[in-house]
C-alpha cells in the first residue's frame, strides 16, 4: 500500500497549521516551505485554491491517496444527508 513517507513538518508548514499534532520545527519556522517560503508575497487565494487545500489537508490527515479519496466521496454522495459530513465519517471509520 502506498503512503506518504516524507517530512510531516513540511506538510504542516505548507498548510500553516499543525495537522499531524504538535511539532517543534513547525513552531520555529512558521513560514511556508521551499526556496521562496519566507518572502510571504502570496496574494489572495481563489475559491478553487481554498477548496483544493482543504481536500489535500483531509487526504494528508487520514493518509488517503487521491483514488481512495475519490471512491469515498462517491460513496458519501450516494448516501442520504450532508455529503461532507458523511465523507469525514467514512474517513474516520477507515482508521479503526
PDB file of N, CA and C in Angstrom:
ATOM      1  N   UNK A   1       0.845  -1.180   0.000  1.00  0.00           N
ATOM      2  CA  UNK A   1       0.000   0.000   0.000  1.00  0.00           C
ATOM      3  C   UNK A   1       0.888   1.240   0.000  1.00  0.00           C
ATOM      4  N   UNK A   2       0.587   2.176  -0.862  1.00  0.00           N
ATOM      5  CA  UNK A   2       1.364   3.409  -0.954  1.00  0.00           C
ATOM      6  C   UNK A   2       0.923   4.377   0.129  1.00  0.00           C
ATOM      7  N   UNK A   3       1.897   5.143   0.626  1.00  0.00           N
ATOM      8  CA  UNK A   3       1.594   6.172   1.607  1.00  0.00           C
ATOM      9  C   UNK A   3       2.674   7.242   1.539  1.00  0.00           C
ATOM     10  N   UNK A   4       2.373   8.411   2.070  1.00  0.00           N
ATOM     11  CA  UNK A   4       3.337   9.499   2.094  1.00  0.00           C
ATOM     12  C   UNK A   4       4.358   9.238   3.188  1.00  0.00           C
ATOM     13  N   UNK A   5       5.652   9.203   2.830  1.00  0.00           N
ATOM     14  CA  UNK A   5       6.695   8.923   3.807  1.00  0.00           C
ATOM     15  C   UNK A   5       7.633  10.108   3.994  1.00  0.00           C
ATOM     16  N   UNK A   6       7.278  11.242   3.414  1.00  0.00           N
ATOM     17  CA  UNK A   6       8.144  12.417   3.503  1.00  0.00           C
ATOM     18  C   UNK A   6       7.996  13.154   4.826  1.00  0.00           C
ATOM     19  N   UNK A   7       8.517  14.354   4.847  1.00  0.00           N
ATOM     20  CA  UNK A   7       8.549  15.166   6.052  1.00  0.00           C
ATOM     21  C   UNK A   7       7.155  15.671   6.423  1.00  0.00           C
ATOM     22  N   UNK A   8       6.724  15.381   7.643  1.00  0.00           N
ATOM     23  CA  UNK A   8       5.422  15.849   8.102  1.00  0.00           C
ATOM     24  C   UNK A   8       5.471  17.324   8.453  1.00  0.00           C
ATOM     25  N   UNK A   9       6.649  17.808   8.849  1.00  0.00           N
ATOM     26  CA  UNK A   9       6.800  19.220   9.177  1.00  0.00           C
ATOM     27  C   UNK A   9       6.590  20.085   7.941  1.00  0.00           C
ATOM     28  N   UNK A  10       7.088  19.606   6.801  1.00  0.00           N
ATOM     29  CA  UNK A  10       6.958  20.363   5.563  1.00  0.00           C
ATOM     30  C   UNK A  10       5.487  20.496   5.155  1.00  0.00           C
ATOM     31  N   UNK A  11       4.735  19.416   5.339  1.00  0.00           N
ATOM     32  CA  UNK A  11       3.309  19.440   5.019  1.00  0.00           C
ATOM     33  C   UNK A  11       2.571  20.391   5.956  1.00  0.00           C
ATOM     34  N   UNK A  12       2.910  20.344   7.235  1.00  0.00           N
ATOM     35  CA  UNK A  12       2.264  21.232   8.204  1.00  0.00           C
ATOM     36  C   UNK A  12       2.564  22.689   7.874  1.00  0.00           C
ATOM     37  N   UNK A  13       3.791  22.977   7.488  1.00  0.00           N
ATOM     38  CA  UNK A  13       4.154  24.351   7.129  1.00  0.00           C
ATOM     39  C   UNK A  13       3.472  24.786   5.845  1.00  0.00           C
ATOM     40  N   UNK A  14       3.248  23.851   4.937  1.00  0.00           N
ATOM     41  CA  UNK A  14       2.556  24.158   3.672  1.00  0.00           C
ATOM     42  C   UNK A  14       1.140  24.669   3.933  1.00  0.00           C
ATOM     43  N   UNK A  15       0.455  24.039   4.898  1.00  0.00           N
ATOM     44  CA  UNK A  15      -0.920  24.430   5.195  1.00  0.00           C
ATOM     45  C   UNK A  15      -1.010  25.505   6.269  1.00  0.00           C
ATOM     46  N   UNK A  16       0.068  25.743   6.992  1.00  0.00           N
ATOM     47  CA  UNK A  16       0.061  26.786   8.007  1.00  0.00           C
ATOM     48  C   UNK A  16      -0.583  26.379   9.315  1.00  0.00           C
ATOM     49  N   UNK A  17      -0.787  25.094   9.522  1.00  0.00           N
ATOM     50  CA  UNK A  17      -1.329  24.599  10.785  1.00  0.00           C
ATOM     51  C   UNK A  17      -0.809  23.184  11.039  1.00  0.00           C
ATOM     52  N   UNK A  18      -0.692  22.842  12.299  1.00  0.00           N
ATOM     53  CA  UNK A  18      -0.134  21.543  12.677  1.00  0.00           C
ATOM     54  C   UNK A  18      -1.199  20.460  12.521  1.00  0.00           C
ATOM     55  N   UNK A  19      -1.238  19.806  11.356  1.00  0.00           N
ATOM     56  CA  UNK A  19      -2.276  18.800  11.111  1.00  0.00           C
ATOM     57  C   UNK A  19      -1.874  17.425  11.628  1.00  0.00           C
ATOM     58  N   UNK A  20      -0.597  17.214  11.944  1.00  0.00           N
ATOM     59  CA  UNK A  20      -0.145  15.929  12.470  1.00  0.00           C
ATOM     60  C   UNK A  20       0.116  15.996  13.964  1.00  0.00           C
ATOM     61  N   UNK A  21      -0.364  17.013  14.644  1.00  0.00           N
ATOM     62  CA  UNK A  21      -0.107  17.173  16.070  1.00  0.00           C
ATOM     63  C   UNK A  21       1.001  18.191  16.302  1.00  0.00           C
ATOM     64  N   UNK A  22       1.423  18.331  17.543  1.00  0.00           N
ATOM     65  CA  UNK A  22       2.449  19.306  17.885  1.00  0.00           C
ATOM     66  C   UNK A  22       3.770  18.967  17.206  1.00  0.00           C
ATOM     67  N   UNK A  23       4.473  20.009  16.757  1.00  0.00           N
ATOM     68  CA  UNK A  23       5.713  19.825  16.041  1.00  0.00           C
ATOM     69  C   UNK A  23       6.634  20.999  16.366  1.00  0.00           C
ATOM     70  N   UNK A  24       7.815  20.713  16.884  1.00  0.00           N
ATOM     71  CA  UNK A  24       8.748  21.784  17.281  1.00  0.00           C
ATOM     72  C   UNK A  24       9.236  22.577  16.077  1.00  0.00           C
ATOM     73  N   UNK A  25       9.557  21.899  14.976  1.00  0.00           N
ATOM     74  CA  UNK A  25      10.077  22.614  13.818  1.00  0.00           C
ATOM     75  C   UNK A  25       9.002  23.494  13.185  1.00  0.00           C
ATOM     76  N   UNK A  26       7.739  23.114  13.322  1.00  0.00           N
ATOM     77  CA  UNK A  26       6.653  23.952  12.805  1.00  0.00           C
ATOM     78  C   UNK A  26       6.579  25.253  13.596  1.00  0.00           C
ATOM     79  N   UNK A  27       6.845  25.180  14.888  1.00  0.00           N
ATOM     80  CA  UNK A  27       6.815  26.378  15.719  1.00  0.00           C
ATOM     81  C   UNK A  27       7.999  27.283  15.412  1.00  0.00           C
ATOM     82  N   UNK A  28       9.162  26.714  15.096  1.00  0.00           N
ATOM     83  CA  UNK A  28      10.353  27.518  14.796  1.00  0.00           C
ATOM     84  C   UNK A  28      10.224  28.226  13.455  1.00  0.00           C
ATOM     85  N   UNK A  29       9.802  27.491  12.452  1.00  0.00           N
ATOM     86  CA  UNK A  29       9.674  28.047  11.096  1.00  0.00           C
ATOM     87  C   UNK A  29       8.196  28.178  10.770  1.00  0.00           C
ATOM     88  N   UNK A  30       7.623  29.327  11.027  1.00  0.00           N
ATOM     89  CA  UNK A  30       6.196  29.492  10.784  1.00  0.00           C
ATOM     90  C   UNK A  30       5.925  30.129   9.427  1.00  0.00           C
ATOM     91  N   UNK A  31       6.763  29.799   8.433  1.00  0.00           N
ATOM     92  CA  UNK A  31       6.553  30.251   7.068  1.00  0.00           C
ATOM     93  C   UNK A  31       6.507  29.030   6.153  1.00  0.00           C
ATOM     94  N   UNK A  32       5.932  29.161   4.950  1.00  0.00           N
ATOM     95  CA  UNK A  32       5.783  28.006   4.052  1.00  0.00           C
ATOM     96  C   UNK A  32       7.134  27.422   3.635  1.00  0.00           C
ATOM     97  N   UNK A  33       7.172  26.134   3.273  1.00  0.00           N
ATOM     98  CA  UNK A  33       8.430  25.509   2.874  1.00  0.00           C
ATOM     99  C   UNK A  33       8.844  25.954   1.476  1.00  0.00           C
ATOM    100  N   UNK A  34      10.078  25.686   1.145  1.00  0.00           N
ATOM    101  CA  UNK A  34      10.571  25.981  -0.190  1.00  0.00           C
ATOM    102  C   UNK A  34      11.521  27.158  -0.220  1.00  0.00           C
ATOM    103  N   UNK A  35      12.100  27.371  -1.392  1.00  0.00           N
ATOM    104  CA  UNK A  35      13.124  28.392  -1.576  1.00  0.00           C
ATOM    105  C   UNK A  35      12.588  29.792  -1.296  1.00  0.00           C
ATOM    106  N   UNK A  36      11.364  30.059  -1.673  1.00  0.00           N
ATOM    107  CA  UNK A  36      10.793  31.399  -1.522  1.00  0.00           C
ATOM    108  C   UNK A  36       9.755  31.465  -0.413  1.00  0.00           C
ATOM    109  N   UNK A  37       9.787  30.534   0.501  1.00  0.00           N
ATOM    110  CA  UNK A  37       8.772  30.450   1.539  1.00  0.00           C
ATOM    111  C   UNK A  37       8.749  31.613   2.498  1.00  0.00           C
ATOM    112  N   UNK A  38       9.931  32.165   2.819  1.00  0.00           N
ATOM    113  CA  UNK A  38       9.962  33.216   3.826  1.00  0.00           C
ATOM    114  C   UNK A  38       9.627  34.595   3.266  1.00  0.00           C
ATOM    115  N   UNK A  39       9.436  34.704   1.957  1.00  0.00           N
ATOM    116  CA  UNK A  39       9.143  36.017   1.358  1.00  0.00           C
ATOM    117  C   UNK A  39       7.735  36.494   1.651  1.00  0.00           C
ATOM    118  N   UNK A  40       6.793  35.567   1.817  1.00  0.00           N
ATOM    119  CA  UNK A  40       5.403  35.892   2.172  1.00  0.00           C
ATOM    120  C   UNK A  40       4.737  36.861   1.205  1.00  0.00           C
ATOM    121  N   UNK A  41       4.897  36.635  -0.072  1.00  0.00           N
ATOM    122  CA  UNK A  41       4.245  37.508  -1.039  1.00  0.00           C
ATOM    123  C   UNK A  41       3.072  36.820  -1.712  1.00  0.00           C
ATOM    124  N   UNK A  42       2.347  36.045  -0.968  1.00  0.00           N
ATOM    125  CA  UNK A  42       1.206  35.345  -1.558  1.00  0.00           C
ATOM    126  C   UNK A  42      -0.015  36.244  -1.520  1.00  0.00           C
ATOM    127  N   UNK A  43      -0.646  36.392  -2.663  1.00  0.00           N
ATOM    128  CA  UNK A  43      -1.832  37.232  -2.749  1.00  0.00           C
ATOM    129  C   UNK A  43      -3.071  36.499  -2.286  1.00  0.00           C
ATOM    130  N   UNK A  44      -4.200  37.060  -2.628  1.00  0.00           N
ATOM    131  CA  UNK A  44      -5.469  36.458  -2.244  1.00  0.00           C
ATOM    132  C   UNK A  44      -5.675  35.155  -3.000  1.00  0.00           C
ATOM    133  N   UNK A  45      -6.096  34.115  -2.281  1.00  0.00           N
ATOM    134  CA  UNK A  45      -6.300  32.817  -2.903  1.00  0.00           C
ATOM    135  C   UNK A  45      -7.692  32.756  -3.526  1.00  0.00           C
ATOM    136  N   UNK A  46      -7.785  32.036  -4.643  1.00  0.00           N
ATOM    137  CA  UNK A  46      -9.072  31.850  -5.288  1.00  0.00           C
ATOM    138  C   UNK A  46      -9.902  30.846  -4.500  1.00  0.00           C
ATOM    139  N   UNK A  47     -11.178  30.769  -4.817  1.00  0.00           N
ATOM    140  CA  UNK A  47     -12.071  29.817  -4.151  1.00  0.00           C
ATOM    141  C   UNK A  47     -11.643  28.383  -4.461  1.00  0.00           C
ATOM    142  N   UNK A  48     -11.218  28.140  -5.698  1.00  0.00           N
ATOM    143  CA  UNK A  48     -10.725  26.815  -6.083  1.00  0.00           C
ATOM    144  C   UNK A  48      -9.507  26.432  -5.253  1.00  0.00           C
ATOM    145  N   UNK A  49      -8.599  27.377  -5.060  1.00  0.00           N
ATOM    146  CA  UNK A  49      -7.394  27.125  -4.280  1.00  0.00           C
ATOM    147  C   UNK A  49      -7.723  26.765  -2.835  1.00  0.00           C
ATOM    148  N   UNK A  50      -8.672  27.463  -2.252  1.00  0.00           N
ATOM    149  CA  UNK A  50      -9.073  27.192  -0.866  1.00  0.00           C
ATOM    150  C   UNK A  50      -9.670  25.795  -0.756  1.00  0.00           C
ATOM    151  N   UNK A  51     -10.547  25.429  -1.706  1.00  0.00           N
ATOM    152  CA  UNK A  51     -11.169  24.103  -1.689  1.00  0.00           C
ATOM    153  C   UNK A  51     -10.133  23.001  -1.887  1.00  0.00           C
ATOM    154  N   UNK A  52      -9.176  23.228  -2.796  1.00  0.00           N
ATOM    155  CA  UNK A  52      -8.133  22.236  -3.049  1.00  0.00           C
ATOM    156  C   UNK A  52      -7.273  22.020  -1.821  1.00  0.00           C
ATOM    157  N   UNK A  53      -6.916  23.095  -1.128  1.00  0.00           N
ATOM    158  CA  UNK A  53      -6.097  22.979   0.079  1.00  0.00           C
ATOM    159  C   UNK A  53      -6.840  22.198   1.165  1.00  0.00           C
ATOM    160  N   UNK A  54      -8.142  22.426   1.307  1.00  0.00           N
ATOM    161  CA  UNK A  54      -8.923  21.697   2.303  1.00  0.00           C
ATOM    162  C   UNK A  54      -8.987  20.211   1.973  1.00  0.00           C
ATOM    163  N   UNK A  55      -9.133  19.897   0.679  1.00  0.00           N
ATOM    164  CA  UNK A  55      -9.175  18.496   0.264  1.00  0.00           C
ATOM    165  C   UNK A  55      -7.828  17.827   0.546  1.00  0.00           C
ATOM    166  N   UNK A  56      -6.734  18.506   0.217  1.00  0.00           N
ATOM    167  CA  UNK A  56      -5.411  17.942   0.442  1.00  0.00           C
ATOM    168  C   UNK A  56      -5.126  17.779   1.930  1.00  0.00           C
ATOM    169  N   UNK A  57      -5.616  18.721   2.730  1.00  0.00           N
ATOM    170  CA  UNK A  57      -5.443  18.630   4.178  1.00  0.00           C
ATOM    171  C   UNK A  57      -6.125  17.372   4.711  1.00  0.00           C
ATOM    172  N   UNK A  58      -7.342  17.108   4.227  1.00  0.00           N
ATOM    173  CA  UNK A  58      -8.076  15.918   4.660  1.00  0.00           C
ATOM    174  C   UNK A  58      -7.355  14.652   4.209  1.00  0.00           C
ATOM    175  N   UNK A  59      -6.822  14.655   2.991  1.00  0.00           N
ATOM    176  CA  UNK A  59      -6.104  13.482   2.489  1.00  0.00           C
ATOM    177  C   UNK A  59      -4.868  13.191   3.323  1.00  0.00           C
ATOM    178  N   UNK A  60      -4.094  14.212   3.647  1.00  0.00           N
ATOM    179  CA  UNK A  60      -2.891  14.007   4.456  1.00  0.00           C
ATOM    180  C   UNK A  60      -3.237  13.602   5.883  1.00  0.00           C
ATOM    181  N   UNK A  61      -4.293  14.183   6.432  1.00  0.00           N
ATOM    182  CA  UNK A  61      -4.673  13.882   7.809  1.00  0.00           C
ATOM    183  C   UNK A  61      -5.048  12.412   7.963  1.00  0.00           C
ATOM    184  N   UNK A  62      -5.797  11.874   7.002  1.00  0.00           N
ATOM    185  CA  UNK A  62      -6.260  10.497   7.092  1.00  0.00           C
ATOM    186  C   UNK A  62      -5.358   9.507   6.348  1.00  0.00           C
ATOM    187  N   UNK A  63      -4.319   9.986   5.669  1.00  0.00           N
ATOM    188  CA  UNK A  63      -3.395   9.100   4.972  1.00  0.00           C
ATOM    189  C   UNK A  63      -4.022   8.391   3.797  1.00  0.00           C
ATOM    190  N   UNK A  64      -4.850   9.102   3.039  1.00  0.00           N
ATOM    191  CA  UNK A  64      -5.588   8.517   1.922  1.00  0.00           C
ATOM    192  C   UNK A  64      -5.043   9.079   0.615  1.00  0.00           C
ATOM    193  N   UNK A  65      -4.905   8.229  -0.390  1.00  0.00           N
ATOM    194  CA  UNK A  65      -4.479   8.680  -1.706  1.00  0.00           C
ATOM    195  C   UNK A  65      -5.672   9.218  -2.492  1.00  0.00           C
ATOM    196  N   UNK A  66      -5.391   9.809  -3.649  1.00  0.00           N
ATOM    197  CA  UNK A  66      -6.428  10.504  -4.423  1.00  0.00           C
ATOM    198  C   UNK A  66      -7.546   9.558  -4.875  1.00  0.00           C
ATOM    199  N   UNK A  67      -7.190   8.396  -5.413  1.00  0.00           N
ATOM    200  CA  UNK A  67      -8.215   7.479  -5.923  1.00  0.00           C
ATOM    201  C   UNK A  67      -9.085   6.949  -4.787  1.00  0.00           C
ATOM    202  N   UNK A  68      -8.469   6.641  -3.650  1.00  0.00           N
ATOM    203  CA  UNK A  68      -9.232   6.179  -2.491  1.00  0.00           C
ATOM    204  C   UNK A  68     -10.179   7.282  -2.017  1.00  0.00           C
ATOM    205  N   UNK A  69      -9.686   8.517  -2.005  1.00  0.00           N
ATOM    206  CA  UNK A  69     -10.499   9.643  -1.566  1.00  0.00           C
ATOM    207  C   UNK A  69     -11.677   9.861  -2.515  1.00  0.00           C
ATOM    208  N   UNK A  70     -11.420   9.711  -3.809  1.00  0.00           N
ATOM    209  CA  UNK A  70     -12.476   9.879  -4.807  1.00  0.00           C
ATOM    210  C   UNK A  70     -13.550   8.815  -4.653  1.00  0.00           C
ATOM    211  N   UNK A  71     -13.143   7.572  -4.362  1.00  0.00           N
ATOM    212  CA  UNK A  71     -14.104   6.488  -4.149  1.00  0.00           C
ATOM    213  C   UNK A  71     -14.934   6.726  -2.893  1.00  0.00           C
ATOM    214  N   UNK A  72     -14.285   7.229  -1.835  1.00  0.00           N
ATOM    215  CA  UNK A  72     -15.025   7.552  -0.611  1.00  0.00           C
ATOM    216  C   UNK A  72     -16.032   8.663  -0.865  1.00  0.00           C
ATOM    217  N   UNK A  73     -15.633   9.647  -1.670  1.00  0.00           N
ATOM    218  CA  UNK A  73     -16.547  10.752  -1.982  1.00  0.00           C
ATOM    219  C   UNK A  73     -17.756  10.245  -2.772  1.00  0.00           C
ATOM    220  N   UNK A  74     -17.513   9.332  -3.707  1.00  0.00           N
ATOM    221  CA  UNK A  74     -18.618   8.773  -4.485  1.00  0.00           C
ATOM    222  C   UNK A  74     -19.581   8.008  -3.581  1.00  0.00           C
ATOM    223  N   UNK A  75     -19.046   7.283  -2.622  1.00  0.00           N
ATOM    224  CA  UNK A  75     -19.886   6.562  -1.657  1.00  0.00           C
ATOM    225  C   UNK A  75     -20.687   7.529  -0.805  1.00  0.00           C
ATOM    226  N   UNK A  76     -20.027   8.594  -0.344  1.00  0.00           N
ATOM    227  CA  UNK A  76     -20.702   9.594   0.501  1.00  0.00           C
ATOM    228  C   UNK A  76     -21.780  10.334  -0.272  1.00  0.00           C
ATOM    229  N   UNK A  77     -21.557  10.528  -1.556  1.00  0.00           N
ATOM    230  CA  UNK A  77     -22.524  11.240  -2.396  1.00  0.00           C
ATOM    231  C   UNK A  77     -23.808  10.435  -2.596  1.00  0.00           C
ATOM    232  N   UNK A  78     -23.656   9.117  -2.636  1.00  0.00           N
ATOM    233  CA  UNK A  78     -24.822   8.253  -2.836  1.00  0.00           C
ATOM    234  C   UNK A  78     -25.702   8.171  -1.596  1.00  0.00           C
ATOM    235  N   UNK A  79     -25.125   8.398  -0.416  1.00  0.00           N
ATOM    236  CA  UNK A  79     -25.895   8.264   0.820  1.00  0.00           C
ATOM    237  C   UNK A  79     -26.731   9.506   1.097  1.00  0.00           C
ATOM    238  N   UNK A  80     -27.755   9.324   1.931  1.00  0.00           N
ATOM    239  CA  UNK A  80     -28.620  10.436   2.338  1.00  0.00           C
ATOM    240  C   UNK A  80     -27.886  11.312   3.352  1.00  0.00           C
ATOM    241  N   UNK A  81     -28.097  12.613   3.269  1.00  0.00           N
ATOM    242  CA  UNK A  81     -27.521  13.522   4.253  1.00  0.00           C
ATOM    243  C   UNK A  81     -26.496  14.463   3.642  1.00  0.00           C
ATOM    244  N   UNK A  82     -25.768  15.156   4.514  1.00  0.00           N
ATOM    245  CA  UNK A  82     -24.762  16.116   4.078  1.00  0.00           C
ATOM    246  C   UNK A  82     -23.516  15.355   3.638  1.00  0.00           C
ATOM    247  N   UNK A  83     -23.126  15.545   2.385  1.00  0.00           N
ATOM    248  CA  UNK A  83     -22.047  14.767   1.790  1.00  0.00           C
ATOM    249  C   UNK A  83     -20.727  14.959   2.530  1.00  0.00           C
ATOM    250  N   UNK A  84     -20.402  16.199   2.895  1.00  0.00           N
ATOM    251  CA  UNK A  84     -19.134  16.470   3.568  1.00  0.00           C
ATOM    252  C   UNK A  84     -19.010  15.762   4.905  1.00  0.00           C
ATOM    253  N   UNK A  85     -20.087  15.775   5.678  1.00  0.00           N
ATOM    254  CA  UNK A  85     -20.061  15.116   6.982  1.00  0.00           C
ATOM    255  C   UNK A  85     -19.958  13.601   6.830  1.00  0.00           C
ATOM    256  N   UNK A  86     -20.673  13.055   5.859  1.00  0.00           N
ATOM    257  CA  UNK A  86     -20.626  11.609   5.617  1.00  0.00           C
ATOM    258  C   UNK A  86     -19.231  11.204   5.147  1.00  0.00           C
ATOM    259  N   UNK A  87     -18.618  12.041   4.305  1.00  0.00           N
ATOM    260  CA  UNK A  87     -17.263  11.766   3.820  1.00  0.00           C
ATOM    261  C   UNK A  87     -16.282  11.694   4.983  1.00  0.00           C
ATOM    262  N   UNK A  88     -16.361  12.628   5.911  1.00  0.00           N
ATOM    263  CA  UNK A  88     -15.466  12.611   7.062  1.00  0.00           C
ATOM    264  C   UNK A  88     -15.741  11.416   7.978  1.00  0.00           C
ATOM    265  N   UNK A  89     -17.004  11.016   8.092  1.00  0.00           N
ATOM    266  CA  UNK A  89     -17.329   9.823   8.879  1.00  0.00           C
ATOM    267  C   UNK A  89     -16.713   8.584   8.239  1.00  0.00           C
ATOM    268  N   UNK A  90     -16.759   8.488   6.907  1.00  0.00           N
ATOM    269  CA  UNK A  90     -16.161   7.351   6.218  1.00  0.00           C
ATOM    270  C   UNK A  90     -14.648   7.331   6.385  1.00  0.00           C
ATOM    271  N   UNK A  91     -14.047   8.508   6.345  1.00  0.00           N
ATOM    272  CA  UNK A  91     -12.600   8.604   6.551  1.00  0.00           C
ATOM    273  C   UNK A  91     -12.223   8.180   7.964  1.00  0.00           C
ATOM    274  N   UNK A  92     -13.012   8.610   8.937  1.00  0.00           N
ATOM    275  CA  UNK A  92     -12.753   8.245  10.339  1.00  0.00           C
ATOM    276  C   UNK A  92     -12.918   6.742  10.533  1.00  0.00           C
ATOM    277  N   UNK A  93     -13.884   6.132   9.842  1.00  0.00           N
ATOM    278  CA  UNK A  93     -14.125   4.699  10.017  1.00  0.00           C
ATOM    279  C   UNK A  93     -12.982   3.863   9.464  1.00  0.00           C
ATOM    280  N   UNK A  94     -12.207   4.414   8.530  1.00  0.00           N
ATOM    281  CA  UNK A  94     -11.052   3.692   7.989  1.00  0.00           C
ATOM    282  C   UNK A  94      -9.931   3.564   9.025  1.00  0.00           C
ATOM    283  N   UNK A  95      -9.884   4.495   9.980  1.00  0.00           N
ATOM    284  CA  UNK A  95      -8.800   4.499  10.959  1.00  0.00           C
ATOM    285  C   UNK A  95      -8.921   3.362  11.958  1.00  0.00           C
ATOM    286  N   UNK A  96     -10.138   2.900  12.209  1.00  0.00           N
ATOM    287  CA  UNK A  96     -10.352   1.882  13.241  1.00  0.00           C
ATOM    288  C   UNK A  96     -10.051   0.487  12.869  1.00  0.00           C
TER     289      UNK A  96
END
